[in-house]
C-alpha atoms as a PDB file:
ATOM      1  CA  UNK A   1       2.175  -7.357  20.030  1.00  0.00           C
ATOM      2  CA  UNK A   2       5.498  -6.895  21.390  1.00  0.00           C
ATOM      3  CA  UNK A   3       6.858  -9.600  19.251  1.00  0.00           C
ATOM      4  CA  UNK A   4       5.472  -8.615  16.093  1.00  0.00           C
ATOM      5  CA  UNK A   5       8.661  -7.701  14.393  1.00  0.00           C
ATOM      6  CA  UNK A   6      10.197 -11.498  15.578  1.00  0.00           C
ATOM      7  CA  UNK A   7       6.981 -13.171  14.341  1.00  0.00           C
ATOM      8  CA  UNK A   8       7.251 -11.226  10.878  1.00  0.00           C
ATOM      9  CA  UNK A   9      10.668 -11.965  10.534  1.00  0.00           C
ATOM     10  CA  UNK A  10      10.083 -15.604  11.247  1.00  0.00           C
ATOM     11  CA  UNK A  11       7.493 -15.921   8.735  1.00  0.00           C
ATOM     12  CA  UNK A  12       9.287 -14.033   6.083  1.00  0.00           C
ATOM     13  CA  UNK A  13      12.215 -16.309   6.377  1.00  0.00           C
ATOM     14  CA  UNK A  14      10.013 -19.457   6.543  1.00  0.00           C
ATOM     15  CA  UNK A  15       8.216 -18.316   3.127  1.00  0.00           C
ATOM     16  CA  UNK A  16      11.863 -17.291   1.564  1.00  0.00           C
ATOM     17  CA  UNK A  17      10.659 -13.789   1.436  1.00  0.00           C
ATOM     18  CA  UNK A  18      12.904 -10.711   1.343  1.00  0.00           C
ATOM     19  CA  UNK A  19      11.227  -7.958   3.172  1.00  0.00           C
ATOM     20  CA  UNK A  20      11.668  -4.345   1.516  1.00  0.00           C
ATOM     21  CA  UNK A  21      12.849  -1.630   3.722  1.00  0.00           C
ATOM     22  CA  UNK A  22      10.663   0.971   5.007  1.00  0.00           C
ATOM     23  CA  UNK A  23      11.767   3.509   2.491  1.00  0.00           C
ATOM     24  CA  UNK A  24      11.020   1.213  -0.370  1.00  0.00           C
ATOM     25  CA  UNK A  25       7.702   0.440   1.101  1.00  0.00           C
ATOM     26  CA  UNK A  26       6.987   4.039   1.530  1.00  0.00           C
ATOM     27  CA  UNK A  27       7.930   5.028  -2.076  1.00  0.00           C
ATOM     28  CA  UNK A  28       5.690   2.409  -3.463  1.00  0.00           C
ATOM     29  CA  UNK A  29       2.775   3.385  -1.542  1.00  0.00           C
ATOM     30  CA  UNK A  30       3.305   6.988  -2.829  1.00  0.00           C
ATOM     31  CA  UNK A  31       3.589   5.630  -6.352  1.00  0.00           C
ATOM     32  CA  UNK A  32       0.570   3.580  -6.248  1.00  0.00           C
ATOM     33  CA  UNK A  33      -1.639   6.291  -4.230  1.00  0.00           C
ATOM     34  CA  UNK A  34      -0.283   9.171  -6.842  1.00  0.00           C
ATOM     35  CA  UNK A  35       0.508   8.001 -10.267  1.00  0.00           C
ATOM     36  CA  UNK A  36      -0.596   4.227 -10.545  1.00  0.00           C
ATOM     37  CA  UNK A  37      -3.913   3.642 -12.984  1.00  0.00           C
ATOM     38  CA  UNK A  38      -4.479   7.464 -13.546  1.00  0.00           C
ATOM     39  CA  UNK A  39      -7.412   6.631 -15.820  1.00  0.00           C
ATOM     40  CA  UNK A  40      -8.882   4.573 -13.142  1.00  0.00           C
ATOM     41  CA  UNK A  41     -11.937   6.592 -11.305  1.00  0.00           C
ATOM     42  CA  UNK A  42     -13.580   5.055  -8.132  1.00  0.00           C
ATOM     43  CA  UNK A  43     -17.095   5.910  -8.241  1.00  0.00           C
ATOM     44  CA  UNK A  44     -19.478   6.051  -4.844  1.00  0.00           C
ATOM     45  CA  UNK A  45     -22.527   4.455  -6.262  1.00  0.00           C
ATOM     46  CA  UNK A  46     -25.513   5.760  -4.363  1.00  0.00           C
ATOM     47  CA  UNK A  47     -24.438   9.264  -5.323  1.00  0.00           C
ATOM     48  CA  UNK A  48     -22.599   8.599  -8.436  1.00  0.00           C
ATOM     49  CA  UNK A  49     -19.784  10.930  -7.535  1.00  0.00           C
ATOM     50  CA  UNK A  50     -16.097  10.032  -7.729  1.00  0.00           C
ATOM     51  CA  UNK A  51     -14.020   9.601  -4.316  1.00  0.00           C
ATOM     52  CA  UNK A  52     -11.521  12.135  -4.061  1.00  0.00           C
ATOM     53  CA  UNK A  53      -7.796  10.679  -3.985  1.00  0.00           C
ATOM     54  CA  UNK A  54      -6.383  10.538  -0.597  1.00  0.00           C
ATOM     55  CA  UNK A  55      -2.817  11.939  -1.737  1.00  0.00           C
ATOM     56  CA  UNK A  56      -2.513  14.367  -4.358  1.00  0.00           C
ATOM     57  CA  UNK A  57       0.558  14.293  -5.998  1.00  0.00           C
END
């Protein structure tokens, strides 16, 4: 979609949202993937084995 950024900005403005910067988004993604809920383990039920983390940090 060549006009995706324009549509995104228009939707954010209509909803009164401030969009984060790319740096903020990537930092949050890394935080969630490596640090948040370290006590939570997702189990693959059929084999009763935990999933490996996608990002190890």
